[in-house]
C-alpha cells in the first residue's frame, strides 16, 4: 500500500515537473512572439495636448505610410504641445535626442515647424515618421482599388469620403464617384477633381448637394486666393447665385496632396442655378424654351466644329490673335452629344437672334437685344472680370450663360481665376472691352453704360472695404497650409510672376494689384 502510494506520488511529481518545463517553454515562445511583434518601427497611437491643459488633447486621425496626420489643438499657437504616443519599437528620436511619451526634450514641443520622428527597433531597423499638423478641415478619399484617379471623363465609383473637422470629429460622407477636371490644370502634377456623392451632403455650412469640385489652384496662383477672392467679389453683387467654397486639405489613399478649395459645382439645382430642368421630351412650344445652361468652349488651333459644341453665326472668333474658335457646350440638359436635335436647334437659334440684335449697330441702339440678354448679370460679370484683371476673358473662356423657360439669357456665375488674374497679367488694362463676348458692342449702348456706372457706384465702396479684409483674413487662415503646399508642389517658377518672393509678399502684391486696378477702373468708368 505504502509502495503504491509512493509510486503514485513520484509519478505525480514527475508529471508536475514536465508540465512546469512545458509552461516555461511556452511562455518563453509567447514572449518571443510578443517581442518580435512589438519590436518594429511603427507608431500605434499618437496625440498631443497644450502644456498644462491635458483636456485639450487632439488625437491623430490617420497614422499611415510614415506620416502622422493630426488636427491642431484649437486656439493653440502650436508652440507648447506635449505629445503622447505608443509604438511597437524600442526607442523614439528627434534627430539625436531620445524622446518619451508625455515629455519633450529641449524645444521639440514647438509644432509650428515640421517635426520628424525616428523609431528604432532592437534589431537596428529605423523608420522616419513625419507629423502633419492641420488647422483646416481635411477631406480623406480612398478609392476602392487604392489606385489614383487618372481619368477626366469616367468617374471612379465607390470611393469612400470622410471629412475631419477642426474639432477632430469625423463626418462620414459615404461613397462618391470621382474624376479629374480642368484643362491646363489637369496636365499639372497637382490634380483637380470633380466629386459626385451618392447622396446629398451639406458640407462645412454650404448648401446640400451631391456635386462638388476640388480646385487645386494651380502653380500660377501662389497665394491660393485668386478663385476664392473673385467668387467673394461676385457674391457682393446681385448675381442670383454664386458658388460658395471652403479651404480644405486633401488626403487621397493615405497620401497628403496639399491645399485645395472645395466649392459648389455650377449646376442647375434649386439652391444653385434655379431654372427649369428639362426632359428629353421637351421638344416643342413653351417647354422647348428652357432651361438651358451653357459653357463657352475655346479651341486655340485651327479647329472647325462639326455641329457640337455648337457655334453661333455672329460671335465665333474670340481673342486678341483671332486664333481662338469659340463654341458652346450644353451643360444642362445633361447629355451633351445625345441632346435632342430640337433642343440644340432651338438654343442655337435663340442665341443667333440675340446676337443679330447686338451686332447690328442700328438695332443695338433700339435696345431690342435687352429683351434677350439680361444686362444686370452681364454688367456684374464684366465688373468682376475687369477688377480681377482676369486675362482668361480675352478668349471668352469658362463663361457660363443660362436661360430659363420663357426668359432671357443671363451670364454667370464667374469662374476660373487661378491663373492670369490679380496682377499676374496686365494691370490698368481692359480685358473685356475688345475681345470678350459682346462687350465691344454693349459698351456702345448708352443705356448699358449708364447702368454699368450705377452699379459700379454701388459695388466699388463695398469691394474697396471688404475685399482686402477678405484677403488678409483668408491668408492668415491658410498660411501654414499654403507654406506646406509650396514645399510639396515647388514648381512656382513655371509661369508665375513672383517665383522668388515669400508667400506673404505674393499676397501683398495681389492686394496691390487689386487697389491699382480699382482706382484705374474707377477713372475709366467715369469717362465712359
Protein backbone atom coordinates (compact mmCIF):
# COMPACT_ATOMS: atom_id res chain seq x y z
CA UNK A 1 0.00 0.00 0.00
CA UNK A 2 2.73 2.41 1.01
CA UNK A 3 4.74 1.48 -2.09
CA UNK A 4 1.78 2.10 -4.32
CA UNK A 5 1.25 5.49 -2.78
CA UNK A 6 4.91 6.37 -3.15
CA UNK A 7 4.91 5.36 -6.77
CA UNK A 8 1.80 7.45 -7.31
CA UNK A 9 3.44 10.45 -5.69
CA UNK A 10 6.60 10.01 -7.77
CA UNK A 11 4.55 9.90 -10.95
CA UNK A 12 2.63 12.97 -9.90
CA UNK A 13 5.85 14.88 -9.13
CA UNK A 14 7.32 13.77 -12.44
CA UNK A 15 4.22 14.93 -14.32
CA UNK A 16 4.25 18.25 -12.46
CA UNK A 17 7.89 18.81 -13.34
CA UNK A 18 7.27 18.08 -17.02
CA UNK A 19 4.28 20.44 -17.08
CA UNK A 20 6.36 23.17 -15.46
CA UNK A 21 9.07 22.81 -18.09
CA UNK A 22 6.47 22.95 -20.87
CA UNK A 23 4.89 26.05 -19.34
CA UNK A 24 8.26 27.82 -19.19
CA UNK A 25 8.94 26.91 -22.81
CA UNK A 26 5.51 28.01 -23.94
CA UNK A 27 5.77 31.29 -22.03
CA UNK A 28 9.21 31.88 -23.47
CA UNK A 29 7.95 31.25 -27.00
CA UNK A 30 4.96 33.51 -26.43
CA UNK A 31 7.21 36.22 -25.03
CA UNK A 32 9.49 35.89 -28.06
CA UNK A 33 6.48 36.24 -30.35
CA UNK A 34 5.25 39.30 -28.46
CA UNK A 35 8.73 40.78 -28.55
CA UNK A 36 9.01 40.15 -32.27
CA UNK A 37 5.58 41.72 -32.83
CA UNK A 38 6.38 44.75 -30.69
CA UNK A 39 9.86 45.26 -31.90
CA UNK A 40 9.10 47.15 -35.10
CA UNK A 41 9.30 50.78 -36.12
CA UNK A 42 5.69 51.99 -36.12
CA UNK A 43 3.58 54.44 -34.19
CA UNK A 44 0.38 52.77 -32.98
CA UNK A 45 -1.26 55.80 -31.35
CA UNK A 46 -0.43 59.48 -31.28
CA UNK A 47 -1.94 62.55 -29.63
CA UNK A 48 -0.85 65.87 -28.19
CA UNK A 49 -2.24 68.47 -25.82
CA UNK A 50 -1.41 72.01 -24.82
CA UNK A 51 1.09 72.21 -21.99
CA UNK A 52 -0.75 72.49 -18.68
CA UNK A 53 -4.10 71.56 -20.25
CA UNK A 54 -4.41 67.79 -20.78
CA UNK A 55 -8.12 68.19 -21.59
CA UNK A 56 -7.14 69.93 -24.83
CA UNK A 57 -5.92 66.64 -26.30
CA UNK A 58 -6.10 66.11 -30.06
CA UNK A 59 -5.69 62.55 -31.36
CA UNK A 60 -4.24 61.54 -34.73
CA UNK A 61 -6.99 60.65 -37.19
CA UNK A 62 -4.67 58.74 -39.54
CA UNK A 63 -1.30 57.02 -38.99
CA UNK A 64 -0.09 55.54 -42.26
CA UNK A 65 2.89 55.30 -44.61
CA UNK A 66 5.34 57.19 -42.43
CA UNK A 67 3.01 60.10 -41.70
CA UNK A 68 1.02 61.01 -38.59
CA UNK A 69 -2.00 63.13 -39.52
CA UNK A 70 -3.41 65.14 -36.62
CA UNK A 71 -5.66 68.17 -36.20
CA UNK A 72 -4.14 71.13 -34.35
CA UNK A 73 -5.32 71.85 -30.84
CA UNK A 74 -7.97 74.52 -31.28
CA UNK A 75 -6.94 78.04 -30.23
CA UNK A 76 -3.36 76.89 -29.66
CA UNK A 77 -0.28 78.51 -31.18
CA UNK A 78 1.41 75.10 -31.57
CA UNK A 79 4.50 76.21 -29.61
CA UNK A 80 3.91 74.26 -26.39
CA UNK A 81 2.31 70.93 -27.23
CA UNK A 82 3.04 67.72 -25.32
CA UNK A 83 2.83 64.51 -27.39
CA UNK A 84 1.63 61.17 -26.08
CA UNK A 85 2.09 58.01 -28.11
CA UNK A 86 2.62 54.27 -28.16
CA UNK A 87 4.99 52.48 -30.52
CA UNK A 88 5.88 48.89 -31.34
CA UNK A 89 9.57 49.70 -31.50
CA UNK A 90 12.31 50.25 -28.91
CA UNK A 91 13.10 53.99 -28.95
CA UNK A 92 11.94 57.27 -30.49
CA UNK A 93 14.27 60.09 -31.51
CA UNK A 94 14.08 63.57 -32.96
CA UNK A 95 17.45 63.99 -34.63
CA UNK A 96 19.79 62.63 -31.93
CA UNK A 97 17.59 63.39 -28.93
CA UNK A 98 15.74 60.48 -27.39
CA UNK A 99 12.05 61.13 -26.76
CA UNK A 100 9.47 59.65 -24.46
CA UNK A 101 5.71 59.92 -24.41
CA UNK A 102 4.35 62.80 -22.35
CA UNK A 103 7.67 64.65 -22.30
CA UNK A 104 9.77 66.65 -24.72
CA UNK A 105 13.43 67.48 -24.61
CA UNK A 106 14.67 70.96 -25.43
CA UNK A 107 12.42 72.82 -27.90
CA UNK A 108 10.79 69.89 -29.68
CA UNK A 109 7.33 70.70 -28.34
CA UNK A 110 7.10 73.50 -30.92
CA UNK A 111 4.99 72.19 -33.79
CA UNK A 112 4.95 75.39 -35.83
CA UNK A 113 7.68 73.81 -37.95
CA UNK A 114 7.58 70.24 -39.30
CA UNK A 115 8.71 67.54 -36.88
CA UNK A 116 10.09 64.18 -37.95
CA UNK A 117 10.50 61.29 -35.52
CA UNK A 118 12.79 58.29 -35.96
CA UNK A 119 11.60 54.98 -34.49
CA UNK A 120 14.28 52.33 -33.90
CA UNK A 121 13.85 48.61 -33.26
CA UNK A 122 16.13 46.48 -31.12
CA UNK A 123 17.37 44.87 -34.32
CA UNK A 124 18.68 48.25 -35.50
CA UNK A 125 15.92 48.95 -38.03
CA UNK A 126 14.81 52.58 -38.42
CA UNK A 127 11.80 54.40 -39.82
CA UNK A 128 11.08 58.12 -40.10
CA UNK A 129 7.64 59.48 -39.21
CA UNK A 130 6.58 62.96 -40.28
CA UNK A 131 3.92 64.80 -38.25
CA UNK A 132 1.40 66.74 -40.36
CA UNK A 133 -0.49 69.18 -38.17
CA UNK A 134 -3.64 70.59 -39.80
CA UNK A 135 -5.56 73.73 -38.92
CA UNK A 136 -8.02 73.38 -41.82
CA UNK A 137 -10.65 70.68 -42.36
CA UNK A 138 -9.26 67.57 -44.02
CA UNK A 139 -11.06 65.58 -46.72
CA UNK A 140 -9.96 61.94 -46.83
CA UNK A 141 -10.74 59.97 -50.01
CA UNK A 142 -9.99 56.30 -50.58
CA UNK A 143 -10.54 54.68 -53.96
CA UNK A 144 -11.85 51.09 -53.89
CA UNK A 145 -8.74 49.69 -55.58
CA UNK A 146 -6.26 52.02 -53.88
CA UNK A 147 -5.24 53.38 -57.27
CA UNK A 148 -5.04 57.10 -58.16
CA UNK A 149 -7.72 58.94 -60.14
CA UNK A 150 -6.33 59.30 -63.65
CA UNK A 151 -9.41 59.72 -65.86
CA UNK A 152 -11.04 63.07 -66.60
CA UNK A 153 -14.04 61.61 -68.42
CA UNK A 154 -15.04 58.49 -66.46
CA UNK A 155 -15.68 58.59 -62.73
CA UNK A 156 -14.03 56.11 -60.40
CA UNK A 157 -17.07 54.88 -58.50
CA UNK A 158 -17.27 53.57 -54.96
CA UNK A 159 -14.75 55.97 -53.41
CA UNK A 160 -15.22 56.45 -49.67
CA UNK A 161 -15.06 60.01 -48.36
CA UNK A 162 -14.67 61.33 -44.82
CA UNK A 163 -14.25 64.88 -43.53
CA UNK A 164 -12.18 65.64 -40.44
CA UNK A 165 -13.48 68.80 -38.78
CA UNK A 166 -11.43 71.32 -36.82
CA UNK A 167 -12.63 69.87 -33.50
CA UNK A 168 -11.37 66.42 -34.51
CA UNK A 169 -14.82 64.96 -35.19
CA UNK A 170 -15.15 62.97 -38.41
CA UNK A 171 -18.12 63.13 -40.79
CA UNK A 172 -18.68 60.01 -42.87
CA UNK A 173 -19.83 61.29 -46.25
CA UNK A 174 -20.40 57.84 -47.69
CA UNK A 175 -19.39 56.94 -51.23
CA UNK A 176 -18.83 59.01 -54.35
CA UNK A 177 -17.77 58.82 -57.96
CA UNK A 178 -14.68 60.94 -58.64
CA UNK A 179 -12.97 62.01 -61.85
CA UNK A 180 -10.42 64.58 -62.89
CA UNK A 181 -11.39 68.01 -64.17
CA UNK A 182 -9.89 71.15 -65.71
CA UNK A 183 -7.93 71.88 -68.85
CA UNK A 184 -4.45 73.26 -68.18
CA UNK A 185 -4.64 72.29 -64.51
CA UNK A 186 -5.34 68.65 -65.33
CA UNK A 187 -1.95 68.20 -67.03
CA UNK A 188 -0.09 69.58 -64.00
CA UNK A 189 1.17 67.33 -61.22
CA UNK A 190 -1.32 68.58 -58.63
CA UNK A 191 -4.67 67.45 -59.98
CA UNK A 192 -8.16 68.96 -59.52
CA UNK A 193 -11.20 66.71 -59.13
CA UNK A 194 -14.97 66.54 -59.61
CA UNK A 195 -16.79 64.70 -56.81
CA UNK A 196 -20.31 63.32 -57.15
CA UNK A 197 -21.63 61.78 -53.93
CA UNK A 198 -24.21 59.02 -53.96
CA UNK A 199 -26.27 61.14 -51.55
CA UNK A 200 -26.60 64.86 -50.92
CA UNK A 201 -24.45 66.45 -48.22
CA UNK A 202 -24.26 69.92 -46.69
CA UNK A 203 -20.50 70.27 -46.24
CA UNK A 204 -18.91 72.88 -43.96
CA UNK A 205 -22.04 75.02 -43.87
CA UNK A 206 -22.60 75.08 -47.64
CA UNK A 207 -25.83 74.12 -49.37
CA UNK A 208 -26.72 70.46 -49.63
CA UNK A 209 -25.68 68.86 -52.91
CA UNK A 210 -24.27 65.73 -54.49
CA UNK A 211 -21.89 67.63 -56.77
CA UNK A 212 -18.67 69.32 -55.63
CA UNK A 213 -15.36 70.48 -57.06
CA UNK A 214 -11.88 70.24 -55.54
CA UNK A 215 -9.85 73.04 -57.13
CA UNK A 216 -6.09 72.56 -57.00
CA UNK A 217 -5.35 76.31 -57.51
CA UNK A 218 -2.54 75.85 -59.98
CA UNK A 219 1.08 76.98 -59.86
CA UNK A 220 0.31 80.39 -61.33
CA UNK A 221 -1.51 81.40 -58.14
CA UNK A 222 0.98 81.22 -55.32
CA UNK A 223 -1.44 82.99 -52.99
CA UNK A 224 -4.02 80.19 -53.45
CA UNK A 225 -6.58 83.02 -53.05
CA UNK A 226 -7.49 84.12 -56.58
CA UNK A 227 -10.59 81.96 -57.03
CA UNK A 228 -11.92 82.46 -53.51
CA UNK A 229 -11.44 86.24 -53.73
CA UNK A 230 -13.09 86.62 -57.14
CA UNK A 231 -16.03 84.48 -56.01
CA UNK A 232 -16.39 86.73 -52.95
CA UNK A 233 -16.38 89.80 -55.20
CA UNK A 234 -19.21 88.22 -57.20
CA UNK A 235 -21.15 87.37 -54.02
CA UNK A 236 -21.14 91.07 -53.11
CA UNK A 237 -23.12 91.82 -56.29
CA UNK A 238 -26.73 90.92 -57.05
CA UNK A 239 -25.99 87.75 -59.00
CA UNK A 240 -28.87 85.35 -58.28
CA UNK A 241 -26.34 82.73 -57.13
CA UNK A 242 -22.56 82.44 -56.80
CA UNK A 243 -20.79 79.24 -55.74
CA UNK A 244 -19.50 79.05 -52.16
CA UNK A 245 -16.25 77.36 -51.18
CA UNK A 246 -14.07 76.33 -48.24
CA UNK A 247 -10.35 75.63 -48.00
CA UNK A 248 -9.50 72.04 -47.09
CA UNK A 249 -6.52 69.72 -47.09
CA UNK A 250 -6.84 66.60 -49.24
CA UNK A 251 -5.61 63.11 -48.42
CA UNK A 252 -6.07 60.58 -51.23
CA UNK A 253 -5.43 56.90 -50.46
CA UNK A 254 -3.41 57.90 -47.41
CA UNK A 255 -1.21 60.39 -49.29
CA UNK A 256 -1.44 64.06 -48.41
CA UNK A 257 -1.92 66.13 -51.61
CA UNK A 258 -1.92 69.60 -50.08
CA UNK A 259 -4.24 72.60 -50.00
CA UNK A 260 -7.45 72.56 -52.07
CA UNK A 261 -10.52 74.74 -52.46
CA UNK A 262 -13.71 72.71 -52.07
CA UNK A 263 -16.56 74.53 -53.75
CA UNK A 264 -20.03 74.05 -55.10
CA UNK A 265 -20.25 72.91 -58.69
CA UNK A 266 -22.06 75.18 -61.16
CA UNK A 267 -25.21 73.24 -61.98
CA UNK A 268 -28.94 73.52 -62.43
CA UNK A 269 -30.28 72.86 -58.92
CA UNK A 270 -32.82 74.52 -56.64
CA UNK A 271 -30.14 76.15 -54.46
CA UNK A 272 -27.84 76.95 -57.39
CA UNK A 273 -28.89 77.99 -60.89
CA UNK A 274 -32.59 77.72 -60.18
CA UNK A 275 -34.12 77.26 -63.62
CA UNK A 276 -36.45 74.66 -65.07
CA UNK A 277 -34.85 71.26 -65.52
CA UNK A 278 -35.69 69.99 -68.99
CA UNK A 279 -36.64 66.50 -70.07
CA UNK A 280 -35.78 64.84 -73.40
CA UNK A 281 -39.48 65.05 -74.24
CA UNK A 282 -39.48 68.88 -74.10
CA UNK A 283 -39.37 69.32 -77.85
CA UNK A 284 -41.91 71.99 -78.70
CA UNK A 285 -43.83 75.00 -77.50
CA UNK A 286 -43.06 76.71 -74.21
CA UNK A 287 -41.32 73.60 -72.86
CA UNK A 288 -38.63 73.91 -75.54
CA UNK A 289 -37.62 77.40 -74.37
CA UNK A 290 -35.76 76.33 -71.21
CA UNK A 291 -33.95 75.89 -69.09
CA UNK A 292 -30.52 75.67 -70.63
CA UNK A 293 -27.09 76.04 -69.03
CA UNK A 294 -24.24 76.71 -71.47
CA UNK A 295 -20.46 76.95 -71.06
CA UNK A 296 -18.13 78.53 -73.59
CA UNK A 297 -15.67 76.22 -75.28
CA UNK A 298 -12.49 77.61 -76.81
CA UNK A 299 -10.13 75.83 -79.18
CA UNK A 300 -6.77 77.52 -79.66
CA UNK A 301 -5.94 75.96 -83.00
CA UNK A 302 -7.42 75.68 -86.49
CA UNK A 303 -10.30 73.52 -85.39
CA UNK A 304 -13.68 73.63 -87.09
CA UNK A 305 -16.61 72.35 -85.06
CA UNK A 306 -18.86 69.78 -86.64
CA UNK A 307 -22.21 70.62 -85.10
CA UNK A 308 -21.21 70.19 -81.45
CA UNK A 309 -20.01 72.03 -79.45
CA UNK A 310 -22.17 74.39 -81.48
CA UNK A 311 -21.16 77.78 -82.88
CA UNK A 312 -23.33 80.83 -83.45
CA UNK A 313 -23.32 82.81 -86.66
CA UNK A 314 -22.12 86.14 -85.27
CA UNK A 315 -19.66 85.59 -82.42
CA UNK A 316 -17.49 82.56 -83.10
CA UNK A 317 -13.98 84.02 -83.04
CA UNK A 318 -12.52 85.49 -79.87
CA UNK A 319 -9.14 86.56 -78.55
CA UNK A 320 -6.66 89.23 -79.49
CA UNK A 321 -4.98 86.99 -82.09
CA UNK A 322 -8.31 85.75 -83.53
CA UNK A 323 -6.97 82.20 -83.46
CA UNK A 324 -9.44 81.17 -80.78
CA UNK A 325 -12.51 79.41 -82.08
CA UNK A 326 -15.47 79.89 -79.75
CA UNK A 327 -18.30 77.41 -79.37
CA UNK A 328 -20.81 76.44 -76.70
CA UNK A 329 -21.34 73.26 -74.74
CA UNK A 330 -24.73 72.48 -73.26
CA UNK A 331 -24.15 71.55 -69.60
CA UNK A 332 -27.82 71.15 -68.86
CA UNK A 333 -29.93 69.37 -70.10
CA UNK A 334 -27.19 66.83 -69.45
CA UNK A 335 -26.16 64.53 -72.23
CA UNK A 336 -24.04 66.71 -74.50
CA UNK A 337 -23.87 64.85 -77.82
CA UNK A 338 -27.13 63.00 -77.15
CA UNK A 339 -29.18 66.16 -76.63
CA UNK A 340 -32.29 66.12 -78.86
CA UNK A 341 -31.84 67.95 -82.15
CA UNK A 342 -34.89 70.12 -81.44
CA UNK A 343 -33.32 71.46 -78.23
CA UNK A 344 -29.94 72.04 -79.87
CA UNK A 345 -31.55 73.83 -82.81
CA UNK A 346 -33.68 75.98 -80.51
CA UNK A 347 -30.88 77.25 -78.26
CA UNK A 348 -28.63 77.96 -81.25
CA UNK A 349 -31.44 79.87 -82.98
CA UNK A 350 -32.21 81.85 -79.81
CA UNK A 351 -28.56 82.88 -79.45
CA UNK A 352 -28.35 83.85 -83.11
CA UNK A 353 -31.43 86.04 -82.71
CA UNK A 354 -29.91 87.78 -79.69
CA UNK A 355 -26.56 88.28 -81.41
CA UNK A 356 -28.19 89.63 -84.56
CA UNK A 357 -29.63 92.46 -82.44
CA UNK A 358 -26.26 93.13 -80.78
CA UNK A 359 -24.03 93.11 -83.88
CA UNK A 360 -26.19 95.42 -85.96
CA UNK A 361 -25.38 98.90 -84.61
CA UNK A 362 -28.76 100.31 -85.62
CA UNK A 363 -30.67 97.51 -83.91
CA UNK A 364 -28.32 97.74 -80.91
CA UNK A 365 -29.32 101.33 -80.29
CA UNK A 366 -33.00 100.39 -80.19
CA UNK A 367 -32.31 98.29 -77.12
CA UNK A 368 -34.19 95.33 -78.58
CA UNK A 369 -31.37 92.99 -77.52
CA UNK A 370 -32.25 93.72 -73.87
CA UNK A 371 -35.36 91.58 -74.34
CA UNK A 372 -32.99 88.65 -74.91
CA UNK A 373 -29.98 89.46 -72.69
CA UNK A 374 -30.18 90.37 -69.01
CA UNK A 375 -27.86 93.36 -68.67
CA UNK A 376 -27.78 93.16 -64.84
CA UNK A 377 -25.84 89.89 -64.80
CA UNK A 378 -23.85 90.97 -67.88
CA UNK A 379 -22.64 94.07 -66.01
CA UNK A 380 -21.87 92.11 -62.83
CA UNK A 381 -19.80 89.63 -64.82
CA UNK A 382 -17.96 92.42 -66.64
CA UNK A 383 -17.05 94.29 -63.45
CA UNK A 384 -15.77 91.20 -61.61
CA UNK A 385 -13.61 90.20 -64.56
CA UNK A 386 -12.25 93.70 -65.12
CA UNK A 387 -11.45 94.35 -61.45
CA UNK A 388 -9.74 90.98 -61.02
CA UNK A 389 -7.67 91.61 -64.21
CA UNK A 390 -8.63 88.13 -65.43
CA UNK A 391 -6.76 87.67 -68.70
CA UNK A 392 -8.68 84.48 -69.47
CA UNK A 393 -11.63 86.65 -70.53
CA UNK A 394 -9.75 87.85 -73.62
CA UNK A 395 -10.59 84.43 -75.08
CA UNK A 396 -14.07 84.24 -73.52
CA UNK A 397 -13.01 81.12 -71.64
CA UNK A 398 -15.06 79.46 -68.90
CA UNK A 399 -18.09 81.68 -69.35
CA UNK A 400 -21.44 80.37 -68.15
CA UNK A 401 -24.67 81.50 -69.78
CA UNK A 402 -28.13 80.24 -68.83
CA UNK A 403 -31.72 80.70 -69.93
CA UNK A 404 -34.88 79.74 -68.07
CA UNK A 405 -38.18 78.86 -69.72
CA UNK A 406 -39.65 81.92 -71.49
CA UNK A 407 -36.82 84.05 -70.10
CA UNK A 408 -33.70 85.98 -71.14
CA UNK A 409 -30.10 84.82 -71.33
CA UNK A 410 -28.20 85.57 -68.12
CA UNK A 411 -24.45 85.50 -67.50
CA UNK A 412 -22.69 83.87 -64.62
CA UNK A 413 -21.67 82.94 -62.16
CA UNK A 414 -18.00 83.90 -62.79
CA UNK A 415 -15.50 81.04 -62.84
CA UNK A 416 -11.76 80.31 -63.26
CA UNK A 417 -9.42 82.93 -61.79
CA UNK A 418 -6.49 80.82 -60.62
CA UNK A 419 -4.10 81.65 -63.46
CA UNK A 420 -3.85 85.11 -65.03
CA UNK A 421 -5.64 87.36 -62.55
CA UNK A 422 -4.96 89.83 -59.73
CA UNK A 423 -1.79 91.19 -61.30
CA UNK A 424 -0.49 88.00 -62.89
CA UNK A 425 -1.23 89.64 -66.24
CA UNK A 426 -1.52 93.30 -67.21
CA UNK A 427 -2.81 95.86 -64.70
CA UNK A 428 -4.55 99.05 -65.80
CA UNK A 429 -5.87 97.24 -68.83
CA UNK A 430 -9.27 96.24 -70.21
CA UNK A 431 -9.56 92.51 -70.72
CA UNK A 432 -13.24 92.54 -71.69
CA UNK A 433 -13.67 95.61 -73.85
CA UNK A 434 -12.18 94.35 -77.09
CA UNK A 435 -12.36 90.57 -77.45
CA UNK A 436 -14.63 89.15 -74.75
CA UNK A 437 -18.12 88.06 -75.72
CA UNK A 438 -20.36 91.01 -76.72
CA UNK A 439 -18.81 93.80 -74.65
CA UNK A 440 -17.25 95.78 -77.50
CA UNK A 441 -20.80 96.20 -78.82
CA UNK A 442 -22.61 96.54 -75.50
CA UNK A 443 -20.43 99.46 -74.46
CA UNK A 444 -21.82 101.40 -77.45
CA UNK A 445 -25.29 101.29 -75.85
CA UNK A 446 -25.80 104.35 -73.60
CA UNK A 447 -28.41 102.52 -71.51
CA UNK A 448 -25.96 99.69 -70.82
CA UNK A 449 -23.17 102.18 -69.97
CA UNK A 450 -25.39 104.22 -67.65
CA UNK A 451 -26.48 101.12 -65.76
CA UNK A 452 -22.83 99.98 -65.56
CA UNK A 453 -21.90 103.30 -63.94
CA UNK A 454 -24.75 103.00 -61.46
CA UNK A 455 -23.75 99.51 -60.42
CA UNK A 456 -20.07 100.46 -60.17
CA UNK A 457 -21.04 103.25 -57.78
CA UNK A 458 -22.74 100.65 -55.58
CA UNK A 459 -20.08 97.93 -55.71
CA UNK A 460 -16.87 99.97 -55.64
CA UNK A 461 -17.09 101.07 -51.97
CA UNK A 462 -18.09 97.53 -50.92
CA UNK A 463 -15.19 95.96 -52.77
CA UNK A 464 -12.72 98.61 -51.60
CA UNK A 465 -13.63 97.99 -47.96
CA UNK A 466 -14.32 94.25 -47.83
CA UNK A 467 -12.07 92.54 -50.38
CA UNK A 468 -8.70 93.50 -48.80
CA UNK A 469 -10.12 92.34 -45.45
CA UNK A 470 -11.21 89.06 -47.07
CA UNK A 471 -7.72 88.55 -48.50
CA UNK A 472 -6.00 89.23 -45.16
CA UNK A 473 -8.38 87.02 -43.20
CA UNK A 474 -8.02 84.08 -45.54
CA UNK A 475 -4.25 84.47 -45.85
CA UNK A 476 -3.99 84.07 -42.08
CA UNK A 477 -6.43 81.16 -42.16
CA UNK A 478 -4.49 79.14 -44.74
CA UNK A 479 -0.95 80.38 -44.04
CA UNK A 480 0.56 77.18 -42.62
CA UNK A 481 -1.22 75.04 -45.21
CA UNK A 482 -0.14 77.31 -48.07
CA UNK A 483 3.51 77.23 -46.97
CA UNK A 484 3.43 73.44 -46.72
CA UNK A 485 1.71 73.29 -50.12
CA UNK A 486 4.57 75.27 -51.65
CA UNK A 487 7.06 72.73 -50.32
CA UNK A 488 5.01 69.88 -51.76
CA UNK A 489 4.49 71.49 -55.19
CA UNK A 490 7.55 73.72 -55.74
CA UNK A 491 7.35 74.49 -59.48
CA UNK A 492 6.43 78.14 -58.98
CA UNK A 493 8.99 79.40 -61.47
CA UNK A 494 6.99 77.94 -64.35
CA UNK A 495 4.68 80.77 -65.41
CA UNK A 496 4.44 82.52 -62.05
CA UNK A 497 5.12 86.25 -61.86
CA UNK A 498 6.69 86.10 -58.38
CA UNK A 499 8.60 82.80 -58.12
CA UNK A 500 11.22 84.07 -55.68
CA UNK A 501 9.00 86.13 -53.36
CA UNK A 502 7.86 84.88 -49.98
CA UNK A 503 4.25 83.78 -49.69
CA UNK A 504 3.31 86.82 -47.65
CA UNK A 505 4.87 89.16 -50.23
CA UNK A 506 2.88 87.43 -53.00
CA UNK A 507 -0.34 88.13 -51.12
CA UNK A 508 0.78 91.73 -50.70
CA UNK A 509 1.35 92.00 -54.45
CA UNK A 510 -2.13 90.61 -55.06
CA UNK A 511 -3.66 93.31 -52.85
CA UNK A 512 -1.56 95.98 -54.52
CA UNK A 513 -2.81 94.85 -57.95
CA UNK A 514 -6.39 94.93 -56.67
CA UNK A 515 -6.10 98.51 -55.42
CA UNK A 516 -4.28 99.68 -58.55
CA UNK A 517 -6.91 98.21 -60.87
CA UNK A 518 -9.75 99.51 -58.67
CA UNK A 519 -8.63 103.13 -58.87
CA UNK A 520 -7.73 102.92 -62.55
CA UNK A 521 -11.06 101.30 -63.41
CA UNK A 522 -12.88 103.98 -61.42
CA UNK A 523 -11.37 106.65 -63.63
CA UNK A 524 -12.08 104.65 -66.77
CA UNK A 525 -15.74 104.06 -65.97
CA UNK A 526 -16.22 107.72 -65.06
CA UNK A 527 -15.05 108.60 -68.57
CA UNK A 528 -17.34 106.09 -70.36
